[in-house]
Amino acid sequence: MPATVLTASALLLDMDGTLVNSDAVVERCWRRWAVEHGLDPEAALKVVHGRQGYATMAVLLPDRPVEENYADNRLMLAEETADVDGVVPIGGAAAFMAAIADLPHALVTSADSALATARMGAAALPMPAVRVTAEQVGASKPDPEGFLKGAAELGFGAADCIVFEDSEAGIAAGRAAGMRVVGVGPRAAALAPDAHVEDLTQVRVEAAGDGTIRLHINEA
């Protein structure tokens, strides 16, 4: 199959499931939380990816006071930050990050700054100079706020940006921001992104002479 070529001025990158495989930690922490609150862990895991913790809790316990969700979210973030066992890079992530090092890009993650630093470090990936973390947004994905802030900080309009995402909430956020989306990994396959790859080994980055970025994508 010939490669799909997408052209952009800037790239906006999710972290968990896109650059870093943190599923082992996420599942350990959220299974424990679900059991403690009398919920089915398997059902809980279907909605945790891509959102900030308090937003996930609001979906799972819709009648619970939001203050309790924020309190539990702080505890969850501390627990996840301290647990990096099994955190590894997504296939091809190191080479991909090296290829875009001098090109406009930003990290846009539902993790807070401490968690993002811990996981990128555990995966031995460079932290982008521009990043939008949980502290900098008022609304979690699937709200587009994070991606719009990332684009603005890089100095580009939404139509000039491509989002890399793995989750339903993240892909919805990218679309709501008016951006094209490359879906990464198994969760993204059924969500009809503009292009889909199993991992980042299927993406080749080319810096064009006019300053744009060309992504050569061997789709899954």
Protein backbone atom coordinates (compact mmCIF):
# COMPACT_ATOMS: atom_id res chain seq x y z
CA MET A 1 0.00 0.00 0.00
CA PRO A 2 1.47 3.42 -0.93
CA ALA A 3 2.20 5.79 1.93
CA THR A 4 -0.30 8.48 2.87
CA VAL A 5 1.35 11.91 2.87
CA LEU A 6 0.03 14.60 5.22
CA THR A 7 1.46 18.12 5.31
CA ALA A 8 1.42 20.41 8.34
CA SER A 9 3.19 23.37 9.91
CA ALA A 10 3.21 21.92 13.44
CA LEU A 11 2.60 18.67 15.30
CA LEU A 12 0.69 18.29 18.58
CA LEU A 13 1.50 15.11 20.46
CA ASP A 14 -0.43 13.27 23.11
CA MET A 15 1.77 11.31 25.53
CA ASP A 16 0.18 8.17 27.02
CA GLY A 17 -0.52 5.60 24.32
CA THR A 18 1.02 7.84 21.66
CA LEU A 19 4.64 8.38 22.71
CA VAL A 20 4.73 6.36 25.92
CA ASN A 21 3.15 3.00 26.75
CA SER A 22 1.98 3.46 30.33
CA ASP A 23 -0.92 1.01 30.16
CA ALA A 24 0.54 -1.22 32.89
CA VAL A 25 0.57 1.63 35.43
CA VAL A 26 -2.78 3.05 34.36
CA GLU A 27 -4.46 -0.32 34.66
CA ARG A 28 -2.91 -1.07 38.08
CA CYS A 29 -3.99 2.26 39.54
CA TRP A 30 -7.45 2.41 38.02
CA ARG A 31 -8.31 -1.21 38.74
CA ARG A 32 -7.52 -0.58 42.40
CA TRP A 33 -9.56 2.65 42.44
CA ALA A 34 -12.54 0.97 40.74
CA VAL A 35 -12.60 -1.91 43.22
CA GLU A 36 -12.37 0.52 46.15
CA HIS A 37 -15.46 2.30 44.82
CA GLY A 38 -17.49 -0.81 44.02
CA LEU A 39 -17.10 -0.51 40.25
CA ASP A 40 -16.34 -3.08 37.57
CA PRO A 41 -12.62 -2.59 36.77
CA GLU A 42 -13.03 -3.73 33.17
CA ALA A 43 -15.82 -1.23 32.56
CA ALA A 44 -13.73 1.51 34.21
CA LEU A 45 -10.75 0.84 31.98
CA LYS A 46 -12.87 1.48 28.90
CA VAL A 47 -13.19 5.18 29.77
CA VAL A 48 -9.95 6.10 31.57
CA HIS A 49 -7.71 6.69 28.56
CA GLY A 50 -7.20 10.22 27.29
CA ARG A 51 -9.02 12.09 30.06
CA GLN A 52 -7.82 13.77 33.23
CA GLY A 53 -8.58 11.60 36.24
CA TYR A 54 -11.31 13.82 37.69
CA ALA A 55 -13.14 13.70 34.34
CA THR A 56 -12.97 9.91 34.28
CA MET A 57 -14.32 9.79 37.83
CA ALA A 58 -17.20 12.06 36.82
CA VAL A 59 -18.15 9.62 34.06
CA LEU A 60 -17.93 6.60 36.36
CA LEU A 61 -19.59 8.23 39.40
CA PRO A 62 -21.86 10.90 37.89
CA ASP A 63 -23.65 11.69 41.17
CA ARG A 64 -20.48 12.14 43.20
CA PRO A 65 -19.52 15.69 44.33
CA VAL A 66 -16.87 17.16 42.03
CA GLU A 67 -14.73 18.12 45.03
CA GLU A 68 -14.29 14.44 45.85
CA ASN A 69 -13.23 13.74 42.29
CA TYR A 70 -10.61 16.49 42.44
CA ALA A 71 -9.32 15.15 45.76
CA ASP A 72 -9.08 11.59 44.43
CA ASN A 73 -7.47 12.89 41.25
CA ARG A 74 -4.64 14.47 43.28
CA LEU A 75 -4.03 11.15 45.02
CA MET A 76 -4.17 9.28 41.72
CA LEU A 77 -1.64 11.62 40.10
CA ALA A 78 0.78 11.17 42.98
CA GLU A 79 0.38 7.39 42.81
CA GLU A 80 0.91 7.28 39.05
CA THR A 81 3.90 9.62 39.20
CA ALA A 82 5.63 7.36 41.73
CA ASP A 83 4.95 4.21 39.69
CA VAL A 84 6.91 3.97 36.44
CA ASP A 85 7.29 0.19 36.45
CA GLY A 86 6.57 -1.00 32.92
CA VAL A 87 6.57 2.47 31.35
CA VAL A 88 8.28 2.14 27.95
CA PRO A 89 8.37 4.10 24.70
CA ILE A 90 5.89 3.33 21.95
CA GLY A 91 7.65 1.62 19.04
CA GLY A 92 9.52 4.16 16.94
CA ALA A 93 8.99 7.01 19.43
CA ALA A 94 12.68 7.75 19.98
CA ALA A 95 13.44 8.02 16.27
CA PHE A 96 10.26 10.04 15.69
CA MET A 97 11.15 12.53 18.43
CA ALA A 98 14.66 12.85 17.04
CA ALA A 99 13.26 13.54 13.57
CA ILE A 100 11.02 16.38 14.79
CA ALA A 101 13.48 17.86 17.30
CA ASP A 102 14.02 21.02 15.24
CA LEU A 103 10.46 21.25 13.89
CA PRO A 104 7.47 22.98 15.52
CA HIS A 105 5.85 20.55 17.95
CA ALA A 106 4.25 20.47 21.37
CA LEU A 107 3.19 17.91 23.95
CA VAL A 108 -0.52 18.14 24.81
CA THR A 109 -1.30 15.71 27.61
CA SER A 110 -3.93 15.09 30.26
CA ALA A 111 -1.08 14.34 32.69
CA ASP A 112 0.16 17.06 35.00
CA SER A 113 3.72 18.33 34.67
CA ALA A 114 5.19 15.97 37.27
CA LEU A 115 3.57 12.89 35.75
CA ALA A 116 4.56 13.91 32.22
CA THR A 117 8.16 14.43 33.33
CA ALA A 118 8.23 11.07 35.12
CA ARG A 119 6.83 9.09 32.19
CA MET A 120 8.84 10.78 29.44
CA GLY A 121 11.95 10.25 31.57
CA ALA A 122 11.13 6.60 32.24
CA ALA A 123 10.69 6.08 28.49
CA ALA A 124 13.97 7.94 27.81
CA LEU A 125 12.22 10.41 25.49
CA PRO A 126 13.05 14.13 25.26
CA MET A 127 10.51 16.51 26.76
CA PRO A 128 9.29 19.02 24.15
CA ALA A 129 10.09 22.64 24.97
CA VAL A 130 6.43 23.53 24.38
CA ARG A 131 3.95 21.53 26.40
CA VAL A 132 0.38 21.86 27.60
CA THR A 133 -0.25 19.82 30.74
CA ALA A 134 -3.25 19.42 33.02
CA GLU A 135 -2.41 22.52 35.05
CA GLN A 136 -2.76 24.74 32.01
CA VAL A 137 -6.31 23.86 30.94
CA GLY A 138 -9.71 24.36 32.47
CA ALA A 139 -11.31 21.42 30.69
CA SER A 140 -10.10 17.88 30.02
CA LYS A 141 -10.10 16.18 26.63
CA PRO A 142 -12.42 15.66 24.74
CA ASP A 143 -12.59 19.45 25.09
CA PRO A 144 -10.26 20.97 22.45
CA GLU A 145 -8.75 23.57 24.80
CA GLY A 146 -5.38 21.84 25.19
CA PHE A 147 -4.79 21.41 21.47
CA LEU A 148 -5.88 24.97 20.72
CA LYS A 149 -3.49 26.27 23.39
CA GLY A 150 -0.65 24.20 21.98
CA ALA A 151 -1.25 25.53 18.47
CA ALA A 152 -1.44 29.10 19.72
CA GLU A 153 1.80 28.77 21.68
CA LEU A 154 3.53 27.47 18.57
CA GLY A 155 2.04 30.31 16.55
CA PHE A 156 -0.07 28.31 14.10
CA GLY A 157 -3.75 27.99 13.28
CA ALA A 158 -5.69 24.81 13.87
CA ALA A 159 -5.84 23.89 10.18
CA ASP A 160 -2.03 23.93 10.04
CA CYS A 161 -1.62 21.39 12.85
CA ILE A 162 -1.72 17.60 12.96
CA VAL A 163 -2.56 15.81 16.21
CA PHE A 164 -1.11 12.42 17.19
CA GLU A 165 -3.54 10.61 19.53
CA ASP A 166 -4.50 7.14 20.70
CA SER A 167 -7.77 7.54 22.63
CA GLU A 168 -11.39 8.30 21.85
CA ALA A 169 -11.34 11.41 24.05
CA GLY A 170 -8.12 12.65 22.49
CA ILE A 171 -9.19 12.07 18.90
CA ALA A 172 -12.49 13.82 19.63
CA ALA A 173 -10.55 16.76 21.10
CA GLY A 174 -8.35 17.02 18.01
CA ARG A 175 -11.36 16.98 15.72
CA ALA A 176 -13.19 19.54 17.86
CA ALA A 177 -10.13 21.79 17.54
CA GLY A 178 -10.45 21.60 13.74
CA MET A 179 -7.22 19.62 13.32
CA ARG A 180 -6.34 16.50 11.39
CA VAL A 181 -5.55 13.44 13.48
CA VAL A 182 -3.11 10.56 13.14
CA GLY A 183 -4.39 7.72 15.31
CA VAL A 184 -1.76 5.61 17.05
CA GLY A 185 -2.25 2.08 18.35
CA PRO A 186 -5.18 -0.30 18.78
CA ARG A 187 -7.57 2.07 20.58
CA ALA A 188 -7.46 4.50 17.65
CA ALA A 189 -8.16 1.94 14.93
CA ALA A 190 -11.96 2.07 15.16
CA LEU A 191 -12.22 5.85 15.58
CA ALA A 192 -11.71 6.86 11.92
CA PRO A 193 -8.73 9.20 12.30
CA ASP A 194 -7.35 10.81 9.14
CA ALA A 195 -4.60 8.16 9.19
CA HIS A 196 -3.88 5.24 11.48
CA VAL A 197 -0.66 3.49 12.50
CA GLU A 198 0.07 0.70 14.94
CA ASP A 199 3.11 2.59 16.21
CA LEU A 200 5.49 5.37 15.17
CA THR A 201 7.76 3.11 13.12
CA GLN A 202 5.16 3.61 10.38
CA VAL A 203 5.73 7.38 10.23
CA ARG A 204 8.59 9.04 8.33
CA VAL A 205 9.11 12.75 8.88
CA GLU A 206 10.37 15.03 6.12
CA ALA A 207 11.20 18.70 6.63
CA ALA A 208 10.15 20.37 3.37
CA GLY A 209 12.06 23.28 1.89
CA ASP A 210 9.15 25.67 2.44
CA GLY A 211 9.20 25.08 6.19
CA THR A 212 6.31 22.63 6.27
CA ILE A 213 6.40 19.12 7.68
CA ARG A 214 5.56 16.15 5.50
CA LEU A 215 4.48 12.95 7.20
CA HIS A 216 4.87 9.81 5.13
CA ILE A 217 2.54 7.32 6.81
CA ASN A 218 2.49 3.62 6.04
CA GLU A 219 -0.99 2.98 7.37
CA ALA A 220 -1.89 -0.04 9.44
